[in-house]
Amino acid sequence: IPAPWVPGSPTVLVGGQPALNQTSKLMCAYAGVISVTNPGCTNI
C-alpha cells in the first residue's frame, strides 16, 4: 500500500484524520483495488 485510503470523509475528522466511509478505496501497488464490502457499523 503506497498511499492512504481515498477519498475519506471531507467533513468528519477522527483524531485529525478524515474518517472512512464505505465508498472509500485503497490502491495496492500490484494494481489491486481494495474496497469495503461491509462497513462494520450500520448505524452511523
PDB file of all heavy atoms in Angstrom:
ATOM      1  N   ILE A   1       0.840  -1.202   0.000  1.00  0.00           N
ATOM      2  CA  ILE A   1       0.000   0.000   0.000  1.00  0.00           C
ATOM      3  C   ILE A   1       0.880   1.261   0.000  1.00  0.00           C
ATOM      4  O   ILE A   1       1.512   1.570   1.007  1.00  0.00           O
ATOM      5  CB  ILE A   1      -0.917   0.017   1.250  1.00  0.00           C
ATOM      6  CG1 ILE A   1      -1.669  -1.305   1.401  1.00  0.00           C
ATOM      7  CG2 ILE A   1      -1.838   1.210   1.213  1.00  0.00           C
ATOM      8  CD1 ILE A   1      -2.637  -1.612   0.307  1.00  0.00           C
ATOM      9  N   PRO A   2       0.909   2.010  -1.110  1.00  0.00           N
ATOM     10  CA  PRO A   2       1.751   3.205  -1.177  1.00  0.00           C
ATOM     11  C   PRO A   2       1.094   4.491  -0.678  1.00  0.00           C
ATOM     12  O   PRO A   2       1.775   5.494  -0.501  1.00  0.00           O
ATOM     13  CB  PRO A   2       2.058   3.316  -2.675  1.00  0.00           C
ATOM     14  CG  PRO A   2       0.870   2.718  -3.335  1.00  0.00           C
ATOM     15  CD  PRO A   2       0.384   1.630  -2.412  1.00  0.00           C
ATOM     16  N   ALA A   3      -0.219   4.496  -0.458  1.00  0.00           N
ATOM     17  CA  ALA A   3      -0.911   5.739  -0.101  1.00  0.00           C
ATOM     18  C   ALA A   3      -2.117   5.437   0.795  1.00  0.00           C
ATOM     19  O   ALA A   3      -2.558   4.295   0.873  1.00  0.00           O
ATOM     20  CB  ALA A   3      -1.366   6.444  -1.381  1.00  0.00           C
ATOM     21  N   PRO A   4      -2.668   6.461   1.439  1.00  0.00           N
ATOM     22  CA  PRO A   4      -3.843   6.270   2.289  1.00  0.00           C
ATOM     23  C   PRO A   4      -5.101   5.950   1.481  1.00  0.00           C
ATOM     24  O   PRO A   4      -5.116   6.029   0.249  1.00  0.00           O
ATOM     25  CB  PRO A   4      -4.017   7.614   2.988  1.00  0.00           C
ATOM     26  CG  PRO A   4      -2.813   8.410   2.702  1.00  0.00           C
ATOM     27  CD  PRO A   4      -2.151   7.809   1.503  1.00  0.00           C
ATOM     28  N   TRP A   5      -6.163   5.597   2.199  1.00  0.00           N
ATOM     29  CA  TRP A   5      -7.480   5.394   1.593  1.00  0.00           C
ATOM     30  C   TRP A   5      -7.921   6.702   0.931  1.00  0.00           C
ATOM     31  O   TRP A   5      -7.584   7.788   1.392  1.00  0.00           O
ATOM     32  CB  TRP A   5      -8.511   5.041   2.656  1.00  0.00           C
ATOM     33  CG  TRP A   5      -8.395   3.685   3.246  1.00  0.00           C
ATOM     34  CD1 TRP A   5      -7.603   3.308   4.299  1.00  0.00           C
ATOM     35  CD2 TRP A   5      -9.113   2.514   2.852  1.00  0.00           C
ATOM     36  NE1 TRP A   5      -7.796   1.987   4.576  1.00  0.00           N
ATOM     37  CE2 TRP A   5      -8.720   1.469   3.708  1.00  0.00           C
ATOM     38  CE3 TRP A   5     -10.064   2.246   1.860  1.00  0.00           C
ATOM     39  CZ2 TRP A   5      -9.227   0.181   3.607  1.00  0.00           C
ATOM     40  CZ3 TRP A   5     -10.577   0.970   1.762  1.00  0.00           C
ATOM     41  CH2 TRP A   5     -10.155  -0.050   2.615  1.00  0.00           C
ATOM     42  N   VAL A   6      -8.693   6.609  -0.145  1.00  0.00           N
ATOM     43  CA  VAL A   6      -9.259   7.790  -0.805  1.00  0.00           C
ATOM     44  C   VAL A   6     -10.738   7.575  -1.065  1.00  0.00           C
ATOM     45  O   VAL A   6     -11.153   6.455  -1.309  1.00  0.00           O
ATOM     46  CB  VAL A   6      -8.529   8.110  -2.144  1.00  0.00           C
ATOM     47  CG1 VAL A   6      -7.146   8.619  -1.884  1.00  0.00           C
ATOM     48  CG2 VAL A   6      -8.510   6.936  -3.088  1.00  0.00           C
ATOM     49  N   PRO A   7     -11.593   8.545  -1.010  1.00  0.00           N
ATOM     50  CA  PRO A   7     -11.246   9.888  -0.613  1.00  0.00           C
ATOM     51  C   PRO A   7     -11.342  10.132   0.891  1.00  0.00           C
ATOM     52  O   PRO A   7     -10.848  11.150   1.370  1.00  0.00           O
ATOM     53  CB  PRO A   7     -12.274  10.734  -1.345  1.00  0.00           C
ATOM     54  CG  PRO A   7     -13.499   9.886  -1.378  1.00  0.00           C
ATOM     55  CD  PRO A   7     -12.969   8.476  -1.512  1.00  0.00           C
ATOM     56  N   GLY A   8     -11.964   9.305   1.655  1.00  0.00           N
ATOM     57  CA  GLY A   8     -12.217   9.625   3.057  1.00  0.00           C
ATOM     58  C   GLY A   8     -13.358  10.622   3.141  1.00  0.00           C
ATOM     59  O   GLY A   8     -13.833  11.137   2.128  1.00  0.00           O
ATOM     60  N   SER A   9     -13.808  10.887   4.329  1.00  0.00           N
ATOM     61  CA  SER A   9     -14.901  11.844   4.517  1.00  0.00           C
ATOM     62  C   SER A   9     -14.321  13.252   4.640  1.00  0.00           C
ATOM     63  O   SER A   9     -13.508  13.504   5.528  1.00  0.00           O
ATOM     64  CB  SER A   9     -15.690  11.495   5.775  1.00  0.00           C
ATOM     65  OG  SER A   9     -16.689  12.463   5.991  1.00  0.00           O
ATOM     66  N   PRO A  10     -14.734  14.176   3.780  1.00  0.00           N
ATOM     67  CA  PRO A  10     -14.147  15.518   3.810  1.00  0.00           C
ATOM     68  C   PRO A  10     -14.552  16.346   5.029  1.00  0.00           C
ATOM     69  O   PRO A  10     -13.885  17.314   5.358  1.00  0.00           O
ATOM     70  CB  PRO A  10     -14.664  16.155   2.521  1.00  0.00           C
ATOM     71  CG  PRO A  10     -15.936  15.443   2.235  1.00  0.00           C
ATOM     72  CD  PRO A  10     -15.735  14.027   2.733  1.00  0.00           C
ATOM     73  N   THR A  11     -15.624  15.980   5.699  1.00  0.00           N
ATOM     74  CA  THR A  11     -16.125  16.814   6.789  1.00  0.00           C
ATOM     75  C   THR A  11     -16.104  16.148   8.162  1.00  0.00           C
ATOM     76  O   THR A  11     -16.386  16.797   9.155  1.00  0.00           O
ATOM     77  CB  THR A  11     -17.568  17.264   6.496  1.00  0.00           C
ATOM     78  OG1 THR A  11     -18.382  16.106   6.321  1.00  0.00           O
ATOM     79  CG2 THR A  11     -17.629  18.128   5.257  1.00  0.00           C
ATOM     80  N   VAL A  12     -15.773  14.845   8.221  1.00  0.00           N
ATOM     81  CA  VAL A  12     -15.739  14.147   9.506  1.00  0.00           C
ATOM     82  C   VAL A  12     -14.299  13.756   9.802  1.00  0.00           C
ATOM     83  O   VAL A  12     -13.714  12.943   9.095  1.00  0.00           O
ATOM     84  CB  VAL A  12     -16.644  12.895   9.499  1.00  0.00           C
ATOM     85  CG1 VAL A  12     -16.555  12.164  10.818  1.00  0.00           C
ATOM     86  CG2 VAL A  12     -18.090  13.278   9.188  1.00  0.00           C
ATOM     87  N   LEU A  13     -13.730  14.364  10.837  1.00  0.00           N
ATOM     88  CA  LEU A  13     -12.362  14.065  11.231  1.00  0.00           C
ATOM     89  C   LEU A  13     -12.370  13.241  12.516  1.00  0.00           C
ATOM     90  O   LEU A  13     -13.153  13.492  13.421  1.00  0.00           O
ATOM     91  CB  LEU A  13     -11.569  15.352  11.460  1.00  0.00           C
ATOM     92  CG  LEU A  13     -11.411  16.288  10.262  1.00  0.00           C
ATOM     93  CD1 LEU A  13     -10.592  17.512  10.646  1.00  0.00           C
ATOM     94  CD2 LEU A  13     -10.790  15.570   9.084  1.00  0.00           C
ATOM     95  N   VAL A  14     -11.490  12.252  12.560  1.00  0.00           N
ATOM     96  CA  VAL A  14     -11.325  11.410  13.741  1.00  0.00           C
ATOM     97  C   VAL A  14      -9.847  11.498  14.124  1.00  0.00           C
ATOM     98  O   VAL A  14      -8.994  11.041  13.367  1.00  0.00           O
ATOM     99  CB  VAL A  14     -11.728   9.943  13.446  1.00  0.00           C
ATOM    100  CG1 VAL A  14     -11.484   9.071  14.660  1.00  0.00           C
ATOM    101  CG2 VAL A  14     -13.174   9.865  12.993  1.00  0.00           C
ATOM    102  N   GLY A  15      -9.563  12.120  15.248  1.00  0.00           N
ATOM    103  CA  GLY A  15      -8.171  12.314  15.640  1.00  0.00           C
ATOM    104  C   GLY A  15      -7.385  13.119  14.623  1.00  0.00           C
ATOM    105  O   GLY A  15      -6.201  12.869  14.409  1.00  0.00           O
ATOM    106  N   GLY A  16      -8.032  14.060  13.954  1.00  0.00           N
ATOM    107  CA  GLY A  16      -7.370  14.909  12.969  1.00  0.00           C
ATOM    108  C   GLY A  16      -7.263  14.320  11.580  1.00  0.00           C
ATOM    109  O   GLY A  16      -6.733  14.955  10.678  1.00  0.00           O
ATOM    110  N   GLN A  17      -7.753  13.102  11.368  1.00  0.00           N
ATOM    111  CA  GLN A  17      -7.703  12.438  10.057  1.00  0.00           C
ATOM    112  C   GLN A  17      -9.121  12.255   9.513  1.00  0.00           C
ATOM    113  O   GLN A  17     -10.043  12.006  10.285  1.00  0.00           O
ATOM    114  CB  GLN A  17      -7.060  11.061  10.178  1.00  0.00           C
ATOM    115  CG  GLN A  17      -5.598  11.089  10.522  1.00  0.00           C
ATOM    116  CD  GLN A  17      -4.761  11.559   9.348  1.00  0.00           C
ATOM    117  OE1 GLN A  17      -5.050  11.266   8.198  1.00  0.00           O
ATOM    118  NE2 GLN A  17      -3.715  12.310   9.640  1.00  0.00           N
ATOM    119  N   PRO A  18      -9.304  12.358   8.188  1.00  0.00           N
ATOM    120  CA  PRO A  18     -10.632  12.089   7.628  1.00  0.00           C
ATOM    121  C   PRO A  18     -11.081  10.653   7.928  1.00  0.00           C
ATOM    122  O   PRO A  18     -10.300   9.706   7.827  1.00  0.00           O
ATOM    123  CB  PRO A  18     -10.429  12.280   6.120  1.00  0.00           C
ATOM    124  CG  PRO A  18      -9.248  13.183   6.009  1.00  0.00           C
ATOM    125  CD  PRO A  18      -8.356  12.803   7.160  1.00  0.00           C
ATOM    126  N   ALA A  19     -12.331  10.526   8.326  1.00  0.00           N
ATOM    127  CA  ALA A  19     -12.909   9.203   8.593  1.00  0.00           C
ATOM    128  C   ALA A  19     -13.155   8.468   7.276  1.00  0.00           C
ATOM    129  O   ALA A  19     -13.292   9.086   6.219  1.00  0.00           O
ATOM    130  CB  ALA A  19     -14.228   9.352   9.354  1.00  0.00           C
ATOM    131  N   LEU A  20     -13.195   7.136   7.350  1.00  0.00           N
ATOM    132  CA  LEU A  20     -13.525   6.336   6.165  1.00  0.00           C
ATOM    133  C   LEU A  20     -15.022   6.154   6.077  1.00  0.00           C
ATOM    134  O   LEU A  20     -15.693   5.965   7.093  1.00  0.00           O
ATOM    135  CB  LEU A  20     -12.918   4.935   6.257  1.00  0.00           C
ATOM    136  CG  LEU A  20     -11.432   4.783   6.071  1.00  0.00           C
ATOM    137  CD1 LEU A  20     -11.075   3.305   6.008  1.00  0.00           C
ATOM    138  CD2 LEU A  20     -10.956   5.485   4.841  1.00  0.00           C
ATOM    139  N   ASN A  21     -15.548   6.195   4.861  1.00  0.00           N
ATOM    140  CA  ASN A  21     -16.913   5.727   4.648  1.00  0.00           C
ATOM    141  C   ASN A  21     -16.848   4.536   3.710  1.00  0.00           C
ATOM    142  O   ASN A  21     -15.794   4.216   3.171  1.00  0.00           O
ATOM    143  CB  ASN A  21     -17.858   6.832   4.174  1.00  0.00           C
ATOM    144  CG  ASN A  21     -17.630   7.276   2.754  1.00  0.00           C
ATOM    145  OD1 ASN A  21     -17.180   6.517   1.911  1.00  0.00           O
ATOM    146  ND2 ASN A  21     -17.960   8.519   2.471  1.00  0.00           N
ATOM    147  N   GLN A  22     -17.957   3.865   3.543  1.00  0.00           N
ATOM    148  CA  GLN A  22     -17.938   2.596   2.812  1.00  0.00           C
ATOM    149  C   GLN A  22     -17.596   2.734   1.340  1.00  0.00           C
ATOM    150  O   GLN A  22     -17.318   1.737   0.679  1.00  0.00           O
ATOM    151  CB  GLN A  22     -19.269   1.881   2.973  1.00  0.00           C
ATOM    152  CG  GLN A  22     -20.419   2.560   2.241  1.00  0.00           C
ATOM    153  CD  GLN A  22     -21.748   1.961   2.554  1.00  0.00           C
ATOM    154  OE1 GLN A  22     -22.066   1.737   3.714  1.00  0.00           O
ATOM    155  NE2 GLN A  22     -22.522   1.693   1.535  1.00  0.00           N
ATOM    156  N   THR A  23     -17.552   3.943   0.798  1.00  0.00           N
ATOM    157  CA  THR A  23     -17.194   4.118  -0.610  1.00  0.00           C
ATOM    158  C   THR A  23     -15.704   4.398  -0.811  1.00  0.00           C
ATOM    159  O   THR A  23     -15.249   4.483  -1.944  1.00  0.00           O
ATOM    160  CB  THR A  23     -18.013   5.251  -1.252  1.00  0.00           C
ATOM    161  OG1 THR A  23     -17.723   6.468  -0.576  1.00  0.00           O
ATOM    162  CG2 THR A  23     -19.505   4.956  -1.185  1.00  0.00           C
ATOM    163  N   SER A  24     -14.951   4.540   0.271  1.00  0.00           N
ATOM    164  CA  SER A  24     -13.502   4.790   0.161  1.00  0.00           C
ATOM    165  C   SER A  24     -12.814   3.582  -0.462  1.00  0.00           C
ATOM    166  O   SER A  24     -13.248   2.444  -0.291  1.00  0.00           O
ATOM    167  CB  SER A  24     -12.911   5.062   1.545  1.00  0.00           C
ATOM    168  OG  SER A  24     -13.480   6.212   2.126  1.00  0.00           O
ATOM    169  N   LYS A  25     -11.727   3.832  -1.177  1.00  0.00           N
ATOM    170  CA  LYS A  25     -10.950   2.772  -1.841  1.00  0.00           C
ATOM    171  C   LYS A  25      -9.487   2.891  -1.422  1.00  0.00           C
ATOM    172  O   LYS A  25      -9.007   3.956  -1.075  1.00  0.00           O
ATOM    173  CB  LYS A  25     -11.028   2.889  -3.361  1.00  0.00           C
ATOM    174  CG  LYS A  25     -12.424   2.891  -3.932  1.00  0.00           C
ATOM    175  CD  LYS A  25     -13.043   1.537  -3.903  1.00  0.00           C
ATOM    176  CE  LYS A  25     -14.395   1.575  -4.595  1.00  0.00           C
ATOM    177  NZ  LYS A  25     -15.363   0.705  -4.020  1.00  0.00           N
ATOM    178  N   LEU A  26      -8.796   1.758  -1.524  1.00  0.00           N
ATOM    179  CA  LEU A  26      -7.374   1.705  -1.218  1.00  0.00           C
ATOM    180  C   LEU A  26      -6.687   1.016  -2.392  1.00  0.00           C
ATOM    181  O   LEU A  26      -7.132  -0.039  -2.839  1.00  0.00           O
ATOM    182  CB  LEU A  26      -7.157   0.916   0.083  1.00  0.00           C
ATOM    183  CG  LEU A  26      -5.772   0.899   0.682  1.00  0.00           C
ATOM    184  CD1 LEU A  26      -5.316   2.321   1.037  1.00  0.00           C
ATOM    185  CD2 LEU A  26      -5.772   0.044   1.941  1.00  0.00           C
ATOM    186  N   MET A  27      -5.636   1.621  -2.900  1.00  0.00           N
ATOM    187  CA  MET A  27      -4.941   1.075  -4.066  1.00  0.00           C
ATOM    188  C   MET A  27      -3.718   0.281  -3.637  1.00  0.00           C
ATOM    189  O   MET A  27      -2.928   0.729  -2.821  1.00  0.00           O
ATOM    190  CB  MET A  27      -4.499   2.203  -4.992  1.00  0.00           C
ATOM    191  CG  MET A  27      -5.617   3.153  -5.366  1.00  0.00           C
ATOM    192  SD  MET A  27      -7.103   2.310  -5.850  1.00  0.00           S
ATOM    193  CE  MET A  27      -7.357   2.974  -7.425  1.00  0.00           C
ATOM    194  N   CYS A  28      -3.576  -0.902  -4.219  1.00  0.00           N
ATOM    195  CA  CYS A  28      -2.413  -1.745  -3.997  1.00  0.00           C
ATOM    196  C   CYS A  28      -1.416  -1.466  -5.121  1.00  0.00           C
ATOM    197  O   CYS A  28      -1.808  -1.271  -6.276  1.00  0.00           O
ATOM    198  CB  CYS A  28      -2.821  -3.216  -3.994  1.00  0.00           C
ATOM    199  SG  CYS A  28      -1.431  -4.367  -3.862  1.00  0.00           S
ATOM    200  N   ALA A  29      -0.139  -1.477  -4.805  1.00  0.00           N
ATOM    201  CA  ALA A  29       0.897  -1.235  -5.813  1.00  0.00           C
ATOM    202  C   ALA A  29       0.914  -2.319  -6.884  1.00  0.00           C
ATOM    203  O   ALA A  29       1.493  -2.124  -7.951  1.00  0.00           O
ATOM    204  CB  ALA A  29       2.262  -1.128  -5.148  1.00  0.00           C
ATOM    205  N   TYR A  30       0.298  -3.473  -6.628  1.00  0.00           N
ATOM    206  CA  TYR A  30       0.244  -4.559  -7.607  1.00  0.00           C
ATOM    207  C   TYR A  30      -1.000  -4.463  -8.486  1.00  0.00           C
ATOM    208  O   TYR A  30      -1.390  -5.419  -9.120  1.00  0.00           O
ATOM    209  CB  TYR A  30       0.282  -5.916  -6.903  1.00  0.00           C
ATOM    210  CG  TYR A  30       1.476  -6.090  -5.998  1.00  0.00           C
ATOM    211  CD1 TYR A  30       1.315  -6.615  -4.722  1.00  0.00           C
ATOM    212  CD2 TYR A  30       2.754  -5.733  -6.404  1.00  0.00           C
ATOM    213  CE1 TYR A  30       2.403  -6.779  -3.875  1.00  0.00           C
ATOM    214  CE2 TYR A  30       3.850  -5.884  -5.562  1.00  0.00           C
ATOM    215  CZ  TYR A  30       3.660  -6.413  -4.297  1.00  0.00           C
ATOM    216  OH  TYR A  30       4.740  -6.571  -3.459  1.00  0.00           O
ATOM    217  N   ALA A  31      -1.671  -3.305  -8.496  1.00  0.00           N
ATOM    218  CA  ALA A  31      -2.809  -2.971  -9.351  1.00  0.00           C
ATOM    219  C   ALA A  31      -4.164  -3.378  -8.786  1.00  0.00           C
ATOM    220  O   ALA A  31      -5.177  -3.182  -9.431  1.00  0.00           O
ATOM    221  CB  ALA A  31      -2.649  -3.532 -10.762  1.00  0.00           C
ATOM    222  N   GLY A  32      -4.211  -3.915  -7.601  1.00  0.00           N
ATOM    223  CA  GLY A  32      -5.493  -4.259  -6.990  1.00  0.00           C
ATOM    224  C   GLY A  32      -6.168  -3.041  -6.392  1.00  0.00           C
ATOM    225  O   GLY A  32      -5.523  -2.057  -6.038  1.00  0.00           O
ATOM    226  N   VAL A  33      -7.488  -3.109  -6.300  1.00  0.00           N
ATOM    227  CA  VAL A  33      -8.279  -2.071  -5.654  1.00  0.00           C
ATOM    228  C   VAL A  33      -8.993  -2.726  -4.476  1.00  0.00           C
ATOM    229  O   VAL A  33      -9.726  -3.700  -4.657  1.00  0.00           O
ATOM    230  CB  VAL A  33      -9.304  -1.437  -6.619  1.00  0.00           C
ATOM    231  CG1 VAL A  33     -10.150  -0.395  -5.898  1.00  0.00           C
ATOM    232  CG2 VAL A  33      -8.602  -0.832  -7.824  1.00  0.00           C
ATOM    233  N   ILE A  34      -8.778  -2.185  -3.298  1.00  0.00           N
ATOM    234  CA  ILE A  34      -9.386  -2.722  -2.084  1.00  0.00           C
ATOM    235  C   ILE A  34     -10.602  -1.880  -1.751  1.00  0.00           C
ATOM    236  O   ILE A  34     -10.528  -0.642  -1.713  1.00  0.00           O
ATOM    237  CB  ILE A  34      -8.369  -2.714  -0.924  1.00  0.00           C
ATOM    238  CG1 ILE A  34      -7.178  -3.601  -1.291  1.00  0.00           C
ATOM    239  CG2 ILE A  34      -9.037  -3.165   0.380  1.00  0.00           C
ATOM    240  CD1 ILE A  34      -5.996  -3.471  -0.358  1.00  0.00           C
ATOM    241  N   SER A  35     -11.719  -2.553  -1.534  1.00  0.00           N
ATOM    242  CA  SER A  35     -12.962  -1.854  -1.211  1.00  0.00           C
ATOM    243  C   SER A  35     -13.594  -2.457   0.035  1.00  0.00           C
ATOM    244  O   SER A  35     -13.262  -3.567   0.461  1.00  0.00           O
ATOM    245  CB  SER A  35     -13.931  -1.920  -2.390  1.00  0.00           C
ATOM    246  OG  SER A  35     -14.188  -3.258  -2.725  1.00  0.00           O
ATOM    247  N   VAL A  36     -14.510  -1.709   0.615  1.00  0.00           N
ATOM    248  CA  VAL A  36     -15.226  -2.127   1.816  1.00  0.00           C
ATOM    249  C   VAL A  36     -16.504  -2.839   1.383  1.00  0.00           C
ATOM    250  O   VAL A  36     -17.317  -2.269   0.665  1.00  0.00           O
ATOM    251  CB  VAL A  36     -15.577  -0.906   2.698  1.00  0.00           C
ATOM    252  CG1 VAL A  36     -16.378  -1.317   3.916  1.00  0.00           C
ATOM    253  CG2 VAL A  36     -14.317  -0.155   3.090  1.00  0.00           C
ATOM    254  N   THR A  37     -16.665  -4.095   1.797  1.00  0.00           N
ATOM    255  CA  THR A  37     -17.881  -4.835   1.456  1.00  0.00           C
ATOM    256  C   THR A  37     -18.903  -4.816   2.592  1.00  0.00           C
ATOM    257  O   THR A  37     -20.083  -4.971   2.353  1.00  0.00           O
ATOM    258  CB  THR A  37     -17.563  -6.295   1.086  1.00  0.00           C
ATOM    259  OG1 THR A  37     -16.885  -6.920   2.175  1.00  0.00           O
ATOM    260  CG2 THR A  37     -16.706  -6.357  -0.177  1.00  0.00           C
ATOM    261  N   ASN A  38     -18.426  -4.632   3.824  1.00  0.00           N
ATOM    262  CA  ASN A  38     -19.305  -4.491   4.984  1.00  0.00           C
ATOM    263  C   ASN A  38     -18.616  -3.509   5.919  1.00  0.00           C
ATOM    264  O   ASN A  38     -17.520  -3.785   6.402  1.00  0.00           O
ATOM    265  CB  ASN A  38     -19.514  -5.844   5.671  1.00  0.00           C
ATOM    266  CG  ASN A  38     -20.438  -5.747   6.866  1.00  0.00           C
ATOM    267  OD1 ASN A  38     -20.500  -4.743   7.554  1.00  0.00           O
ATOM    268  ND2 ASN A  38     -21.156  -6.817   7.125  1.00  0.00           N
ATOM    269  N   PRO A  39     -19.233  -2.351   6.198  1.00  0.00           N
ATOM    270  CA  PRO A  39     -18.542  -1.304   6.953  1.00  0.00           C
ATOM    271  C   PRO A  39     -18.298  -1.599   8.430  1.00  0.00           C
ATOM    272  O   PRO A  39     -17.567  -0.876   9.088  1.00  0.00           O
ATOM    273  CB  PRO A  39     -19.445  -0.087   6.781  1.00  0.00           C
ATOM    274  CG  PRO A  39     -20.790  -0.646   6.513  1.00  0.00           C
ATOM    275  CD  PRO A  39     -20.557  -1.925   5.759  1.00  0.00           C
ATOM    276  N   GLY A  40     -18.891  -2.632   8.977  1.00  0.00           N
ATOM    277  CA  GLY A  40     -18.680  -2.936  10.388  1.00  0.00           C
ATOM    278  C   GLY A  40     -19.580  -2.164  11.326  1.00  0.00           C
ATOM    279  O   GLY A  40     -19.738  -2.520  12.471  1.00  0.00           O
ATOM    280  N   CYS A  41     -20.155  -1.061  10.866  1.00  0.00           N
ATOM    281  CA  CYS A  41     -21.139  -0.269  11.611  1.00  0.00           C
ATOM    282  C   CYS A  41     -22.335  -0.098  10.683  1.00  0.00           C
ATOM    283  O   CYS A  41     -22.169   0.079   9.489  1.00  0.00           O
ATOM    284  CB  CYS A  41     -20.627   1.120  11.927  1.00  0.00           C
ATOM    285  SG  CYS A  41     -19.054   1.251  12.745  1.00  0.00           S
ATOM    286  N   THR A  42     -23.504  -0.158  11.238  1.00  0.00           N
ATOM    287  CA  THR A  42     -24.690   0.015  10.381  1.00  0.00           C
ATOM    288  C   THR A  42     -25.593   1.153  10.844  1.00  0.00           C
ATOM    289  O   THR A  42     -26.672   1.337  10.299  1.00  0.00           O
ATOM    290  CB  THR A  42     -25.514  -1.283  10.337  1.00  0.00           C
ATOM    291  OG1 THR A  42     -25.880  -1.631  11.681  1.00  0.00           O
ATOM    292  CG2 THR A  42     -24.728  -2.404   9.689  1.00  0.00           C
ATOM    293  N   ASN A  43     -25.131   1.920  11.833  1.00  0.00           N
ATOM    294  CA  ASN A  43     -26.000   2.975  12.344  1.00  0.00           C
ATOM    295  C   ASN A  43     -25.359   4.350  12.360  1.00  0.00           C
ATOM    296  O   ASN A  43     -25.882   5.274  12.953  1.00  0.00           O
ATOM    297  CB  ASN A  43     -26.471   2.616  13.764  1.00  0.00           C
ATOM    298  CG  ASN A  43     -25.314   2.414  14.724  1.00  0.00           C
ATOM    299  OD1 ASN A  43     -24.167   2.347  14.308  1.00  0.00           O
ATOM    300  ND2 ASN A  43     -25.620   2.323  16.002  1.00  0.00           N
ATOM    301  N   ILE A  44     -24.214   4.521  11.676  1.00  0.00           N
ATOM    302  CA  ILE A  44     -23.533   5.816  11.644  1.00  0.00           C
ATOM    303  C   ILE A  44     -23.308   6.207  10.192  1.00  0.00           C
ATOM    304  O   ILE A  44     -22.515   5.594   9.490  1.00  0.00           O
ATOM    305  CB  ILE A  44     -22.181   5.755  12.380  1.00  0.00           C
ATOM    306  CG1 ILE A  44     -22.355   5.236  13.799  1.00  0.00           C
ATOM    307  CG2 ILE A  44     -21.538   7.139  12.387  1.00  0.00           C
ATOM    308  CD1 ILE A  44     -21.056   4.880  14.478  1.00  0.00           C
TER     309      ILE A  44
END
